[in-house]
N, C-alpha and C. Protein backbone atom coordinates (compact mmCIF):
# COMPACT_ATOMS: atom_id res chain seq x y z
N MET A 1 0.92 -1.09 -0.11
CA MET A 1 -0.30 0.10 0.02
C MET A 1 0.85 1.29 -0.30
N THR A 2 0.85 2.24 -1.03
CA THR A 2 1.63 3.32 -1.06
C THR A 2 0.80 4.70 -0.24
N HIS A 3 -0.50 4.55 -0.34
CA HIS A 3 -1.11 5.65 0.63
C HIS A 3 -1.99 4.96 1.95
N GLN A 4 -1.72 5.71 2.88
CA GLN A 4 -2.47 5.00 4.35
C GLN A 4 -3.33 6.34 4.75
N ILE A 5 -4.22 6.09 4.80
CA ILE A 5 -5.02 7.18 5.85
C ILE A 5 -5.13 7.41 7.10
N LEU A 6 -4.45 8.63 7.71
CA LEU A 6 -4.23 8.93 8.82
C LEU A 6 -5.49 9.21 9.68
N GLN A 7 -5.89 8.43 10.38
CA GLN A 7 -7.19 8.75 11.40
C GLN A 7 -6.82 8.18 12.91
N PRO A 8 -6.82 9.15 13.56
CA PRO A 8 -6.70 8.93 14.96
C PRO A 8 -8.00 8.12 15.41
N PRO A 9 -8.04 6.90 16.07
CA PRO A 9 -9.11 6.19 16.35
C PRO A 9 -10.14 6.92 17.20
N HIS A 10 -9.57 7.90 18.21
CA HIS A 10 -10.51 8.66 19.03
C HIS A 10 -11.06 9.73 18.33
N TRP A 11 -10.93 9.94 17.18
CA TRP A 11 -11.42 11.19 16.56
C TRP A 11 -12.33 10.64 15.72
N PRO A 12 -13.68 11.87 15.46
CA PRO A 12 -14.78 11.59 14.61
C PRO A 12 -14.11 11.20 13.34
N ARG A 13 -14.83 10.48 12.57
CA ARG A 13 -14.49 10.37 11.31
C ARG A 13 -14.99 11.36 10.37
N PRO A 14 -14.18 12.25 9.36
CA PRO A 14 -14.82 13.32 8.65
C PRO A 14 -15.84 12.78 7.74
N ARG A 15 -16.33 13.70 6.88
CA ARG A 15 -17.07 13.43 5.98
C ARG A 15 -16.55 14.11 4.57
N GLY A 16 -16.19 13.27 3.44
CA GLY A 16 -16.02 14.19 2.45
C GLY A 16 -14.47 14.63 2.40
N TYR A 17 -13.70 14.15 3.31
CA TYR A 17 -12.12 14.40 3.20
C TYR A 17 -11.56 13.65 4.33
N SER A 18 -10.32 13.50 4.42
CA SER A 18 -9.79 13.00 5.40
C SER A 18 -8.86 13.63 6.15
N ASN A 19 -8.42 13.30 7.25
CA ASN A 19 -7.67 14.28 8.43
C ASN A 19 -6.35 14.16 7.95
N GLY A 20 -5.56 13.25 7.21
CA GLY A 20 -4.13 13.13 6.83
C GLY A 20 -4.04 11.67 6.01
N ILE A 21 -3.06 11.82 5.40
CA ILE A 21 -2.68 10.71 4.49
C ILE A 21 -1.17 10.58 4.46
N ALA A 22 -0.57 9.33 4.29
CA ALA A 22 0.96 9.24 4.40
C ALA A 22 1.25 8.38 2.77
N ALA A 23 2.08 9.21 1.96
CA ALA A 23 2.10 8.49 0.59
C ALA A 23 3.60 8.28 0.24
N ARG A 24 3.85 7.39 -0.50
CA ARG A 24 5.17 7.00 -1.04
C ARG A 24 5.08 7.16 -2.50
N GLY A 25 6.10 7.70 -3.28
CA GLY A 25 6.25 7.66 -4.53
C GLY A 25 6.63 8.85 -5.35
N GLN A 26 6.39 9.25 -6.73
CA GLN A 26 6.59 10.47 -7.19
C GLN A 26 5.40 11.59 -6.76
N GLN A 27 6.09 12.46 -6.46
CA GLN A 27 5.05 13.82 -6.31
C GLN A 27 4.66 14.59 -7.18
N ILE A 28 3.29 14.86 -7.49
CA ILE A 28 3.07 15.84 -8.22
C ILE A 28 2.10 16.97 -7.75
N PHE A 29 2.71 17.96 -8.19
CA PHE A 29 2.17 19.13 -7.56
C PHE A 29 1.41 20.33 -8.75
N LEU A 30 0.02 20.22 -8.43
CA LEU A 30 -0.86 21.17 -9.40
C LEU A 30 -0.99 22.48 -8.83
N GLY A 31 -0.69 23.56 -9.94
CA GLY A 31 -1.22 24.95 -9.50
C GLY A 31 -2.54 25.02 -9.58
N GLY A 32 -3.15 26.13 -8.94
CA GLY A 32 -4.29 26.48 -8.94
C GLY A 32 -5.37 26.10 -10.28
N GLN A 33 -6.00 25.40 -10.15
CA GLN A 33 -7.21 25.15 -11.45
C GLN A 33 -8.25 26.00 -11.24
N ILE A 34 -8.96 26.58 -12.24
CA ILE A 34 -10.28 27.30 -12.02
C ILE A 34 -11.18 26.68 -13.04
N GLY A 35 -12.31 27.31 -13.05
CA GLY A 35 -13.58 26.49 -13.69
C GLY A 35 -13.58 26.98 -15.17
N TRP A 36 -12.36 27.21 -16.10
CA TRP A 36 -12.66 27.56 -17.38
C TRP A 36 -12.21 26.09 -18.17
N ASP A 37 -12.67 26.14 -19.41
CA ASP A 37 -12.31 24.99 -20.10
C ASP A 37 -11.09 25.32 -21.03
N THR A 38 -10.93 24.34 -22.16
CA THR A 38 -9.66 24.68 -22.91
C THR A 38 -9.63 25.89 -23.77
N GLN A 39 -10.82 26.44 -23.97
CA GLN A 39 -10.79 27.54 -24.87
C GLN A 39 -10.91 28.82 -23.70
N GLY A 40 -10.72 28.62 -22.22
CA GLY A 40 -10.65 29.68 -21.68
C GLY A 40 -12.02 30.41 -21.22
N GLN A 41 -13.17 29.49 -21.40
CA GLN A 41 -14.68 29.92 -21.39
C GLN A 41 -14.98 29.30 -19.76
N PHE A 42 -15.53 29.89 -19.30
CA PHE A 42 -16.18 29.41 -17.90
C PHE A 42 -17.33 28.50 -18.20
N ALA A 43 -17.21 27.58 -17.06
CA ALA A 43 -18.07 26.51 -17.22
C ALA A 43 -19.76 27.24 -16.85
N GLY A 44 -19.46 28.50 -16.16
CA GLY A 44 -20.71 28.95 -15.85
C GLY A 44 -20.46 30.12 -14.30
N ALA A 45 -21.50 30.58 -14.38
CA ALA A 45 -21.23 31.76 -13.19
C ALA A 45 -21.44 31.24 -11.70
N ASP A 46 -22.06 30.03 -11.70
CA ASP A 46 -22.45 29.23 -10.42
C ASP A 46 -21.18 28.37 -9.57
N LEU A 47 -21.21 28.29 -8.61
CA LEU A 47 -20.10 27.60 -7.79
C LEU A 47 -20.08 26.21 -8.27
N PRO A 48 -20.87 25.41 -7.98
CA PRO A 48 -20.95 24.04 -8.81
C PRO A 48 -20.42 23.72 -10.07
N ALA A 49 -20.70 24.51 -11.01
CA ALA A 49 -20.32 24.32 -12.34
C ALA A 49 -18.71 24.71 -12.51
N GLN A 50 -18.48 25.49 -11.61
CA GLN A 50 -17.06 25.97 -12.07
C GLN A 50 -16.15 24.93 -11.11
N VAL A 51 -16.74 24.58 -9.88
CA VAL A 51 -16.19 23.35 -9.24
C VAL A 51 -15.85 22.16 -10.39
N ARG A 52 -17.08 22.00 -10.85
CA ARG A 52 -16.85 20.65 -11.74
C ARG A 52 -15.63 20.89 -12.74
N GLN A 53 -15.78 22.10 -13.49
CA GLN A 53 -14.83 22.13 -14.46
C GLN A 53 -13.29 22.28 -13.92
N ALA A 54 -13.06 22.62 -12.68
CA ALA A 54 -11.62 22.93 -11.92
C ALA A 54 -11.27 21.73 -11.70
N LEU A 55 -12.33 20.56 -11.39
CA LEU A 55 -11.80 19.33 -10.98
C LEU A 55 -11.47 18.48 -12.35
N ARG A 56 -12.16 18.70 -13.30
CA ARG A 56 -11.70 18.11 -14.59
C ARG A 56 -10.50 18.45 -14.93
N ASN A 57 -10.39 19.85 -14.76
CA ASN A 57 -8.80 20.45 -15.03
C ASN A 57 -7.66 19.70 -14.31
N ILE A 58 -8.31 19.22 -12.97
CA ILE A 58 -7.21 18.51 -12.48
C ILE A 58 -6.89 17.41 -12.65
N VAL A 59 -8.00 16.57 -13.12
CA VAL A 59 -7.89 15.13 -13.75
C VAL A 59 -7.18 15.36 -15.08
N ASP A 60 -7.35 16.20 -15.78
CA ASP A 60 -6.54 16.32 -17.32
C ASP A 60 -5.10 16.57 -16.84
N VAL A 61 -4.53 17.31 -15.81
CA VAL A 61 -3.16 17.68 -15.49
C VAL A 61 -2.48 16.20 -14.92
N LEU A 62 -3.27 15.79 -13.91
CA LEU A 62 -2.88 14.63 -13.41
C LEU A 62 -2.61 13.49 -14.51
N ASN A 63 -3.47 13.18 -15.47
CA ASN A 63 -3.33 12.46 -16.51
C ASN A 63 -2.00 12.54 -17.30
N GLU A 64 -1.55 13.81 -17.34
CA GLU A 64 -0.13 14.11 -18.22
C GLU A 64 0.71 13.43 -17.33
N ALA A 65 0.91 13.07 -16.03
CA ALA A 65 1.96 12.66 -15.41
C ALA A 65 1.71 11.14 -15.01
N GLY A 66 0.46 10.46 -15.80
CA GLY A 66 0.30 9.21 -15.76
C GLY A 66 -0.57 8.58 -14.18
N ALA A 67 -1.11 9.91 -13.75
CA ALA A 67 -1.73 9.72 -12.35
C ALA A 67 -3.40 10.00 -12.62
N GLU A 68 -4.21 9.48 -11.65
CA GLU A 68 -5.38 9.35 -11.44
C GLU A 68 -5.95 10.20 -10.35
N PRO A 69 -7.28 10.48 -10.34
CA PRO A 69 -7.76 11.19 -8.89
C PRO A 69 -7.49 10.28 -7.90
N ARG A 70 -7.18 8.92 -7.88
CA ARG A 70 -6.89 8.17 -6.46
C ARG A 70 -5.57 8.19 -6.03
N HIS A 71 -4.71 9.02 -6.79
CA HIS A 71 -3.24 9.51 -6.49
C HIS A 71 -3.45 10.63 -5.52
N LEU A 72 -4.50 11.52 -5.26
CA LEU A 72 -4.48 12.67 -4.82
C LEU A 72 -4.08 12.60 -3.22
N VAL A 73 -3.45 13.33 -3.12
CA VAL A 73 -3.15 13.39 -1.29
C VAL A 73 -3.20 14.87 -0.73
N ARG A 74 -3.90 15.71 -1.46
CA ARG A 74 -4.12 16.98 -0.92
C ARG A 74 -4.92 17.92 -1.82
N LEU A 75 -5.95 18.64 -1.32
CA LEU A 75 -6.46 19.85 -2.18
C LEU A 75 -6.80 20.76 -1.38
N THR A 76 -6.56 22.03 -1.88
CA THR A 76 -6.82 23.16 -1.19
C THR A 76 -7.66 24.08 -2.11
N TRP A 77 -8.81 24.37 -1.71
CA TRP A 77 -9.86 25.21 -2.46
C TRP A 77 -9.84 26.58 -2.06
N TYR A 78 -10.08 27.69 -3.15
CA TYR A 78 -10.08 28.93 -2.61
C TYR A 78 -11.43 29.24 -2.92
N VAL A 79 -12.15 29.88 -2.45
CA VAL A 79 -13.48 30.19 -2.79
C VAL A 79 -13.63 31.83 -2.31
N THR A 80 -14.39 32.65 -3.37
CA THR A 80 -14.57 34.04 -3.14
C THR A 80 -15.88 34.49 -2.23
N ARG A 81 -16.70 33.16 -1.97
CA ARG A 81 -17.73 33.43 -1.23
C ARG A 81 -18.08 32.00 -0.44
N ILE A 82 -17.80 32.12 0.80
CA ILE A 82 -17.91 30.69 1.68
C ILE A 82 -19.39 30.54 1.86
N GLU A 83 -20.00 31.31 1.91
CA GLU A 83 -21.56 31.30 1.90
C GLU A 83 -21.84 30.68 0.86
N ASP A 84 -21.77 30.95 -0.31
CA ASP A 84 -22.02 30.10 -1.58
C ASP A 84 -21.66 28.64 -1.28
N TYR A 85 -20.50 28.41 -0.87
CA TYR A 85 -20.06 27.10 -0.79
C TYR A 85 -20.61 26.21 0.23
N ARG A 86 -21.21 26.91 1.48
CA ARG A 86 -21.91 26.03 2.48
C ARG A 86 -23.59 26.07 1.97
N ALA A 87 -23.79 26.94 1.20
CA ALA A 87 -25.17 27.07 0.79
C ALA A 87 -25.55 25.79 -0.74
N GLN A 88 -24.32 25.34 -1.16
CA GLN A 88 -24.14 24.71 -2.28
C GLN A 88 -23.74 23.45 -2.07
N ILE A 89 -23.28 23.11 -1.01
CA ILE A 89 -22.51 21.97 -0.70
C ILE A 89 -22.82 20.70 -1.23
N ALA A 90 -24.37 20.33 -1.31
CA ALA A 90 -24.72 19.24 -1.76
C ALA A 90 -24.42 18.90 -3.40
N ALA A 91 -24.72 20.13 -4.13
CA ALA A 91 -24.44 20.12 -5.42
C ALA A 91 -22.99 20.31 -5.84
N ILE A 92 -21.95 20.88 -5.25
CA ILE A 92 -20.38 20.67 -5.20
C ILE A 92 -20.24 19.12 -4.91
N GLY A 93 -20.60 18.81 -3.77
CA GLY A 93 -20.34 17.23 -3.79
C GLY A 93 -20.55 16.25 -4.71
N GLN A 94 -21.79 16.33 -5.25
CA GLN A 94 -22.04 15.72 -6.54
C GLN A 94 -21.21 15.81 -7.25
N ALA A 95 -20.70 17.13 -7.89
CA ALA A 95 -19.94 17.53 -8.76
C ALA A 95 -18.55 16.64 -8.51
N TYR A 96 -18.33 16.80 -7.34
CA TYR A 96 -16.98 16.27 -6.71
C TYR A 96 -16.91 14.60 -7.21
N ARG A 97 -18.03 14.10 -6.70
CA ARG A 97 -18.22 12.56 -6.62
C ARG A 97 -18.21 12.11 -8.31
N GLU A 98 -18.77 13.22 -8.97
CA GLU A 98 -18.98 12.71 -10.65
C GLU A 98 -17.76 12.89 -11.19
N VAL A 99 -16.54 13.76 -10.73
CA VAL A 99 -15.28 14.04 -11.45
C VAL A 99 -14.19 12.96 -10.77
N ILE A 100 -14.11 13.10 -9.28
CA ILE A 100 -12.98 12.60 -8.73
C ILE A 100 -13.31 11.26 -8.32
N GLY A 101 -14.77 10.95 -8.08
CA GLY A 101 -14.98 9.60 -7.46
C GLY A 101 -15.18 9.76 -5.86
N LYS A 102 -15.03 8.38 -5.50
CA LYS A 102 -14.74 8.20 -4.05
C LYS A 102 -13.42 8.27 -3.57
N VAL A 103 -12.85 9.40 -3.72
CA VAL A 103 -11.50 9.54 -3.17
C VAL A 103 -11.48 10.83 -2.13
N PHE A 104 -11.09 10.70 -1.12
CA PHE A 104 -11.13 11.93 -0.05
C PHE A 104 -9.85 12.26 0.46
N PRO A 105 -9.05 12.93 -0.21
CA PRO A 105 -7.54 13.23 0.48
C PRO A 105 -7.98 14.45 1.56
N PRO A 106 -6.89 14.59 2.09
CA PRO A 106 -7.14 15.77 3.03
C PRO A 106 -7.40 17.16 2.15
N MET A 107 -8.14 17.99 2.89
CA MET A 107 -8.58 19.14 2.19
C MET A 107 -8.65 20.39 3.19
N SER A 108 -8.53 21.61 2.42
CA SER A 108 -8.70 22.90 3.16
C SER A 108 -9.75 23.59 2.32
N VAL A 109 -10.60 24.18 2.90
CA VAL A 109 -11.39 25.24 1.89
C VAL A 109 -11.25 26.69 2.65
N VAL A 110 -10.79 27.51 1.67
CA VAL A 110 -10.23 28.95 2.37
C VAL A 110 -10.92 30.26 1.48
N GLN A 111 -11.72 30.94 2.11
CA GLN A 111 -12.15 32.09 1.45
C GLN A 111 -11.55 33.10 1.01
N VAL A 112 -11.24 33.80 -0.06
CA VAL A 112 -9.99 34.67 -0.37
C VAL A 112 -11.08 35.98 -0.67
N VAL A 113 -10.36 37.43 -0.75
CA VAL A 113 -10.88 38.47 -1.45
C VAL A 113 -11.32 38.31 -2.87
N ALA A 114 -10.42 38.00 -3.68
CA ALA A 114 -10.55 37.86 -5.07
C ALA A 114 -9.54 36.65 -5.65
N LEU A 115 -9.55 36.20 -6.73
CA LEU A 115 -8.97 35.43 -7.41
C LEU A 115 -8.23 36.17 -8.86
N ALA A 116 -7.31 35.59 -9.31
CA ALA A 116 -6.71 36.57 -10.49
C ALA A 116 -7.66 36.62 -11.64
N GLU A 117 -8.43 35.77 -12.08
CA GLU A 117 -9.45 35.97 -12.90
C GLU A 117 -10.46 36.14 -12.60
N PRO A 118 -11.35 37.33 -12.83
CA PRO A 118 -12.55 38.32 -12.04
C PRO A 118 -13.74 36.94 -12.20
N GLN A 119 -13.82 36.33 -13.08
CA GLN A 119 -15.00 35.50 -13.13
C GLN A 119 -15.18 34.12 -12.45
N ALA A 120 -13.83 34.09 -11.86
CA ALA A 120 -13.53 32.89 -11.43
C ALA A 120 -14.18 32.83 -9.84
N CYS A 121 -14.79 31.85 -9.53
CA CYS A 121 -15.51 31.74 -8.07
C CYS A 121 -14.51 30.81 -7.09
N VAL A 122 -14.07 29.96 -7.40
CA VAL A 122 -13.07 28.96 -7.12
C VAL A 122 -11.91 28.53 -7.76
N GLU A 123 -10.70 28.19 -6.85
CA GLU A 123 -9.61 27.84 -7.61
C GLU A 123 -9.16 26.73 -6.69
N ILE A 124 -8.46 25.63 -7.06
CA ILE A 124 -8.15 24.42 -6.50
C ILE A 124 -6.86 23.93 -6.80
N GLU A 125 -6.02 23.98 -5.56
CA GLU A 125 -4.84 23.22 -6.07
C GLU A 125 -4.45 21.70 -5.44
N ALA A 126 -3.91 21.22 -6.15
CA ALA A 126 -4.00 19.72 -5.74
C ALA A 126 -2.29 19.21 -5.98
N THR A 127 -2.17 18.24 -4.77
CA THR A 127 -1.19 16.98 -4.70
C THR A 127 -1.45 16.20 -4.92
N ALA A 128 -0.73 15.01 -5.78
CA ALA A 128 -0.93 13.88 -5.90
C ALA A 128 0.63 12.90 -5.56
N VAL A 129 0.76 11.69 -5.22
CA VAL A 129 1.63 11.07 -5.31
C VAL A 129 1.32 9.57 -5.97
N LEU A 130 2.30 9.63 -6.94
CA LEU A 130 2.16 8.36 -8.24
C LEU A 130 2.97 7.46 -7.47
N PRO A 131 2.28 6.24 -7.32
CA PRO A 131 3.32 5.01 -6.66
C PRO A 131 4.36 4.96 -7.58
N ASP A 132 5.51 4.21 -6.87
CA ASP A 132 6.78 3.77 -7.81
C ASP A 132 6.13 2.66 -8.87
N PRO A 133 6.71 2.49 -9.99
CA PRO A 133 6.24 1.76 -11.08
C PRO A 133 6.21 0.29 -10.58
N GLY A 134 6.79 -0.39 -9.55
CA GLY A 134 6.57 -1.56 -9.10
C GLY A 134 5.43 -1.97 -8.35
N ASN A 135 4.99 -0.66 -7.79
CA ASN A 135 3.62 -0.57 -6.83
C ASN A 135 2.53 -0.09 -7.63
N ARG A 136 2.46 0.16 -8.60
CA ARG A 136 1.12 0.64 -8.99
C ARG A 136 0.23 -0.63 -9.50
């Protein structure tokens, strides 16, 4: 096993993420991905649509390294309106499961004043670890 979920036995189990993960292999660091497509067009103005596209972009970059969502070990979400995130968590969760699946690495969600692209309402950074060739 190249990934180990770190869950102290006396802690409550988190929903939709993990508290920690230990991994061994090639580290892959992704810059922040936003909700636009390959043409630079935003998937929509709403948060769930931009999350879905940002996650698709993450998967595309992971694929360039031969990695998949199951190799994710960290996600950091930057949102411009935490209230929208909270209010739309069900739709965001659905988009996440559609693109990433049942992979729940450690995650942080942070509200920021603005993102570099004025239309963006979310930016997601990712880290993945691809197991050594003999362990894939």
